[in-house]
Amino acid sequence: MNTMNKAEQAFWDILATGVAPSVASVRAKLDGKGSHKQIQEAVKSCWETLGQDIAYFRRNPDIPNEILSMAHEIWFTARKLSGKSLEEGASND
C-alpha cells in the first residue's frame, strides 16, 4: 500500500475514534513514515470527501440510514480494494 493510501486509511481510522484527524496525527499513526506533502494531500483529500458526503446527505435527508450505511461500506471497501489493486499492479511490473 502506498503512502497516500496508508495516510487515507489512517485518517478514517482516527476519525472513527471521534478525533479530528490532522497531518500530525495521521503521521503519528504511520509511525512518522511517509512524506509530509503526501500525508498533507491525503488529509486534505479526505476532508474534502467528507465535506462532499455531508453536503450530499444534507441535501437528501430522505435516504434511510440503512442505505447510507451500506453505501458507505461499499465505498470504503472499494477504496481499500483499489489501493490493493494499485499495489499489486506495481509489484507485477
N, C-alpha and C. Protein backbone atom coordinates (compact mmCIF):
# COMPACT_ATOMS: atom_id res chain seq x y z
N MET A 1 0.86 -1.17 0.00
CA MET A 1 0.00 0.00 0.00
C MET A 1 0.90 1.23 0.00
N ASN A 2 0.59 2.21 -0.86
CA ASN A 2 1.42 3.40 -0.94
C ASN A 2 1.11 4.38 0.19
N THR A 3 1.95 5.39 0.33
CA THR A 3 1.80 6.36 1.42
C THR A 3 0.45 7.05 1.40
N MET A 4 -0.02 7.42 0.23
CA MET A 4 -1.30 8.11 0.12
C MET A 4 -2.42 7.23 0.66
N ASN A 5 -2.43 5.96 0.26
CA ASN A 5 -3.48 5.04 0.73
C ASN A 5 -3.36 4.80 2.23
N LYS A 6 -2.15 4.65 2.71
CA LYS A 6 -1.95 4.44 4.15
C LYS A 6 -2.41 5.67 4.94
N ALA A 7 -2.09 6.85 4.41
CA ALA A 7 -2.49 8.09 5.10
C ALA A 7 -4.01 8.24 5.10
N GLU A 8 -4.66 7.89 3.99
CA GLU A 8 -6.12 7.97 3.95
C GLU A 8 -6.73 6.98 4.93
N GLN A 9 -6.20 5.77 4.99
CA GLN A 9 -6.72 4.78 5.94
C GLN A 9 -6.53 5.27 7.37
N ALA A 10 -5.37 5.85 7.65
CA ALA A 10 -5.10 6.38 8.99
C ALA A 10 -6.08 7.51 9.32
N PHE A 11 -6.36 8.37 8.34
CA PHE A 11 -7.32 9.46 8.53
C PHE A 11 -8.67 8.91 8.99
N TRP A 12 -9.20 7.93 8.24
CA TRP A 12 -10.52 7.39 8.56
C TRP A 12 -10.50 6.63 9.88
N ASP A 13 -9.39 5.96 10.19
CA ASP A 13 -9.27 5.27 11.48
C ASP A 13 -9.31 6.27 12.64
N ILE A 14 -8.59 7.36 12.48
CA ILE A 14 -8.57 8.40 13.53
C ILE A 14 -9.95 9.03 13.67
N LEU A 15 -10.57 9.37 12.54
CA LEU A 15 -11.90 9.98 12.58
C LEU A 15 -12.91 9.07 13.26
N ALA A 16 -12.79 7.77 13.03
CA ALA A 16 -13.73 6.80 13.63
C ALA A 16 -13.65 6.79 15.16
N THR A 17 -12.56 7.30 15.72
CA THR A 17 -12.44 7.37 17.18
C THR A 17 -13.07 8.63 17.75
N GLY A 18 -13.56 9.51 16.85
CA GLY A 18 -14.17 10.75 17.31
C GLY A 18 -13.21 11.91 17.40
N VAL A 19 -12.00 11.73 16.89
CA VAL A 19 -10.98 12.77 16.91
C VAL A 19 -10.83 13.32 15.50
N ALA A 20 -10.70 14.64 15.37
CA ALA A 20 -10.50 15.26 14.07
C ALA A 20 -9.06 15.01 13.61
N PRO A 21 -8.88 14.27 12.51
CA PRO A 21 -7.53 13.98 12.03
C PRO A 21 -6.80 15.22 11.55
N SER A 22 -5.51 15.24 11.76
CA SER A 22 -4.65 16.31 11.27
C SER A 22 -3.44 15.65 10.61
N VAL A 23 -2.64 16.44 9.93
CA VAL A 23 -1.43 15.91 9.32
C VAL A 23 -0.55 15.27 10.40
N ALA A 24 -0.44 15.94 11.53
CA ALA A 24 0.40 15.43 12.62
C ALA A 24 -0.12 14.12 13.18
N SER A 25 -1.43 14.02 13.39
CA SER A 25 -1.98 12.79 13.97
C SER A 25 -1.92 11.63 12.98
N VAL A 26 -2.12 11.93 11.69
CA VAL A 26 -2.00 10.88 10.67
C VAL A 26 -0.56 10.41 10.59
N ARG A 27 0.38 11.35 10.58
CA ARG A 27 1.81 10.99 10.52
C ARG A 27 2.19 10.15 11.74
N ALA A 28 1.68 10.50 12.90
CA ALA A 28 1.98 9.73 14.12
C ALA A 28 1.42 8.31 14.00
N LYS A 29 0.22 8.19 13.44
CA LYS A 29 -0.37 6.85 13.26
C LYS A 29 0.45 6.02 12.28
N LEU A 30 1.14 6.68 11.36
CA LEU A 30 2.01 5.99 10.40
C LEU A 30 3.43 5.83 10.94
N ASP A 31 3.59 6.00 12.25
CA ASP A 31 4.89 5.88 12.91
C ASP A 31 5.94 6.81 12.30
N GLY A 32 5.49 8.01 11.90
CA GLY A 32 6.41 9.01 11.37
C GLY A 32 6.88 8.74 9.96
N LYS A 33 6.29 7.74 9.30
CA LYS A 33 6.72 7.37 7.94
C LYS A 33 5.88 8.10 6.91
N GLY A 34 6.45 8.33 5.75
CA GLY A 34 5.76 9.00 4.66
C GLY A 34 6.12 10.46 4.59
N SER A 35 6.08 11.00 3.38
CA SER A 35 6.44 12.40 3.21
C SER A 35 5.32 13.30 3.73
N HIS A 36 5.74 14.43 4.28
CA HIS A 36 4.78 15.40 4.81
C HIS A 36 3.80 15.82 3.72
N LYS A 37 4.32 16.06 2.52
CA LYS A 37 3.48 16.53 1.41
C LYS A 37 2.41 15.50 1.06
N GLN A 38 2.78 14.22 0.95
CA GLN A 38 1.80 13.19 0.61
C GLN A 38 0.75 13.04 1.70
N ILE A 39 1.18 13.09 2.94
CA ILE A 39 0.23 12.98 4.05
C ILE A 39 -0.71 14.18 4.05
N GLN A 40 -0.15 15.36 3.82
CA GLN A 40 -0.96 16.58 3.78
C GLN A 40 -2.00 16.48 2.65
N GLU A 41 -1.60 15.99 1.48
CA GLU A 41 -2.53 15.83 0.36
C GLU A 41 -3.63 14.83 0.69
N ALA A 42 -3.26 13.74 1.36
CA ALA A 42 -4.24 12.71 1.72
C ALA A 42 -5.25 13.27 2.72
N VAL A 43 -4.77 13.99 3.72
CA VAL A 43 -5.65 14.57 4.74
C VAL A 43 -6.59 15.58 4.09
N LYS A 44 -6.07 16.42 3.21
CA LYS A 44 -6.90 17.41 2.51
C LYS A 44 -7.96 16.70 1.67
N SER A 45 -7.56 15.66 0.96
CA SER A 45 -8.50 14.91 0.13
C SER A 45 -9.60 14.26 0.96
N CYS A 46 -9.23 13.69 2.09
CA CYS A 46 -10.22 13.05 2.96
C CYS A 46 -11.21 14.07 3.53
N TRP A 47 -10.70 15.23 3.95
CA TRP A 47 -11.61 16.26 4.47
C TRP A 47 -12.56 16.72 3.37
N GLU A 48 -12.05 16.87 2.14
CA GLU A 48 -12.91 17.28 1.03
C GLU A 48 -13.97 16.22 0.76
N THR A 49 -13.58 14.94 0.77
CA THR A 49 -14.52 13.85 0.56
C THR A 49 -15.59 13.85 1.64
N LEU A 50 -15.18 14.01 2.88
CA LEU A 50 -16.12 14.04 3.99
C LEU A 50 -17.10 15.21 3.83
N GLY A 51 -16.58 16.37 3.47
CA GLY A 51 -17.44 17.53 3.27
C GLY A 51 -18.45 17.31 2.16
N GLN A 52 -18.00 16.72 1.06
CA GLN A 52 -18.91 16.43 -0.05
C GLN A 52 -19.98 15.43 0.37
N ASP A 53 -19.57 14.41 1.11
CA ASP A 53 -20.53 13.40 1.58
C ASP A 53 -21.58 14.03 2.49
N ILE A 54 -21.14 14.86 3.41
CA ILE A 54 -22.07 15.51 4.34
C ILE A 54 -23.02 16.42 3.57
N ALA A 55 -22.49 17.18 2.63
CA ALA A 55 -23.34 18.08 1.83
C ALA A 55 -24.37 17.28 1.05
N TYR A 56 -23.96 16.16 0.47
CA TYR A 56 -24.90 15.34 -0.29
C TYR A 56 -26.02 14.83 0.60
N PHE A 57 -25.65 14.30 1.76
CA PHE A 57 -26.66 13.72 2.63
C PHE A 57 -27.55 14.77 3.27
N ARG A 58 -27.05 15.98 3.44
CA ARG A 58 -27.90 17.07 3.93
C ARG A 58 -28.92 17.47 2.88
N ARG A 59 -28.54 17.38 1.60
CA ARG A 59 -29.47 17.71 0.51
C ARG A 59 -30.46 16.58 0.27
N ASN A 60 -30.16 15.39 0.76
CA ASN A 60 -31.01 14.22 0.52
C ASN A 60 -31.34 13.53 1.85
N PRO A 61 -32.02 14.23 2.75
CA PRO A 61 -32.25 13.67 4.09
C PRO A 61 -33.24 12.50 4.12
N ASP A 62 -33.91 12.25 3.01
CA ASP A 62 -34.90 11.18 3.00
C ASP A 62 -34.30 9.80 2.73
N ILE A 63 -33.00 9.73 2.52
CA ILE A 63 -32.35 8.44 2.30
C ILE A 63 -32.28 7.71 3.65
N PRO A 64 -32.81 6.49 3.74
CA PRO A 64 -32.79 5.75 5.01
C PRO A 64 -31.35 5.49 5.50
N ASN A 65 -31.16 5.52 6.82
CA ASN A 65 -29.84 5.30 7.41
C ASN A 65 -29.24 3.96 7.01
N GLU A 66 -30.07 2.94 6.85
CA GLU A 66 -29.57 1.62 6.45
C GLU A 66 -28.90 1.69 5.07
N ILE A 67 -29.52 2.43 4.16
CA ILE A 67 -28.97 2.59 2.81
C ILE A 67 -27.66 3.38 2.88
N LEU A 68 -27.65 4.43 3.68
CA LEU A 68 -26.43 5.23 3.83
C LEU A 68 -25.29 4.38 4.38
N SER A 69 -25.59 3.54 5.37
CA SER A 69 -24.56 2.68 5.95
C SER A 69 -24.02 1.69 4.94
N MET A 70 -24.91 1.10 4.15
CA MET A 70 -24.47 0.15 3.13
C MET A 70 -23.64 0.85 2.06
N ALA A 71 -24.07 2.02 1.63
CA ALA A 71 -23.33 2.76 0.61
C ALA A 71 -21.94 3.13 1.13
N HIS A 72 -21.88 3.56 2.37
CA HIS A 72 -20.59 3.90 2.96
C HIS A 72 -19.67 2.69 3.00
N GLU A 73 -20.19 1.57 3.41
CA GLU A 73 -19.38 0.34 3.49
C GLU A 73 -18.88 -0.09 2.12
N ILE A 74 -19.75 0.01 1.12
CA ILE A 74 -19.33 -0.34 -0.25
C ILE A 74 -18.23 0.60 -0.72
N TRP A 75 -18.41 1.90 -0.48
CA TRP A 75 -17.41 2.88 -0.90
C TRP A 75 -16.08 2.64 -0.18
N PHE A 76 -16.14 2.40 1.10
CA PHE A 76 -14.93 2.16 1.89
C PHE A 76 -14.21 0.91 1.39
N THR A 77 -14.94 -0.16 1.14
CA THR A 77 -14.35 -1.40 0.64
C THR A 77 -13.75 -1.19 -0.75
N ALA A 78 -14.44 -0.47 -1.60
CA ALA A 78 -13.93 -0.21 -2.95
C ALA A 78 -12.62 0.57 -2.89
N ARG A 79 -12.55 1.54 -1.99
CA ARG A 79 -11.31 2.32 -1.86
C ARG A 79 -10.18 1.46 -1.35
N LYS A 80 -10.46 0.57 -0.40
CA LYS A 80 -9.42 -0.33 0.10
C LYS A 80 -8.95 -1.27 -1.00
N LEU A 81 -9.89 -1.83 -1.75
CA LEU A 81 -9.53 -2.76 -2.82
C LEU A 81 -8.77 -2.06 -3.95
N SER A 82 -9.13 -0.83 -4.24
CA SER A 82 -8.43 -0.11 -5.30
C SER A 82 -6.99 0.15 -4.89
N GLY A 83 -6.76 0.41 -3.62
CA GLY A 83 -5.39 0.59 -3.14
C GLY A 83 -4.60 -0.68 -3.25
N LYS A 84 -5.21 -1.81 -2.92
CA LYS A 84 -4.54 -3.09 -3.04
C LYS A 84 -4.25 -3.40 -4.50
N SER A 85 -5.20 -3.10 -5.38
CA SER A 85 -5.00 -3.37 -6.80
C SER A 85 -3.83 -2.55 -7.34
N LEU A 86 -3.76 -1.29 -6.95
CA LEU A 86 -2.65 -0.45 -7.39
C LEU A 86 -1.33 -1.01 -6.89
N GLU A 87 -1.32 -1.45 -5.64
CA GLU A 87 -0.10 -2.00 -5.06
C GLU A 87 0.29 -3.30 -5.78
N GLU A 88 -0.69 -4.17 -6.00
CA GLU A 88 -0.42 -5.44 -6.67
C GLU A 88 0.06 -5.20 -8.09
N GLY A 89 -0.54 -4.23 -8.78
CA GLY A 89 -0.11 -3.91 -10.14
C GLY A 89 1.31 -3.42 -10.19
N ALA A 90 1.70 -2.62 -9.20
CA ALA A 90 3.06 -2.09 -9.16
C ALA A 90 4.06 -3.20 -8.90
N SER A 91 3.69 -4.17 -8.09
CA SER A 91 4.61 -5.26 -7.77
C SER A 91 4.74 -6.26 -8.91
N ASN A 92 3.77 -6.24 -9.85
CA ASN A 92 3.84 -7.15 -11.00
C ASN A 92 4.66 -6.58 -12.14
N ASP A 93 5.03 -5.31 -12.08
CA ASP A 93 5.81 -4.69 -13.16
C ASP A 93 7.23 -5.17 -13.17
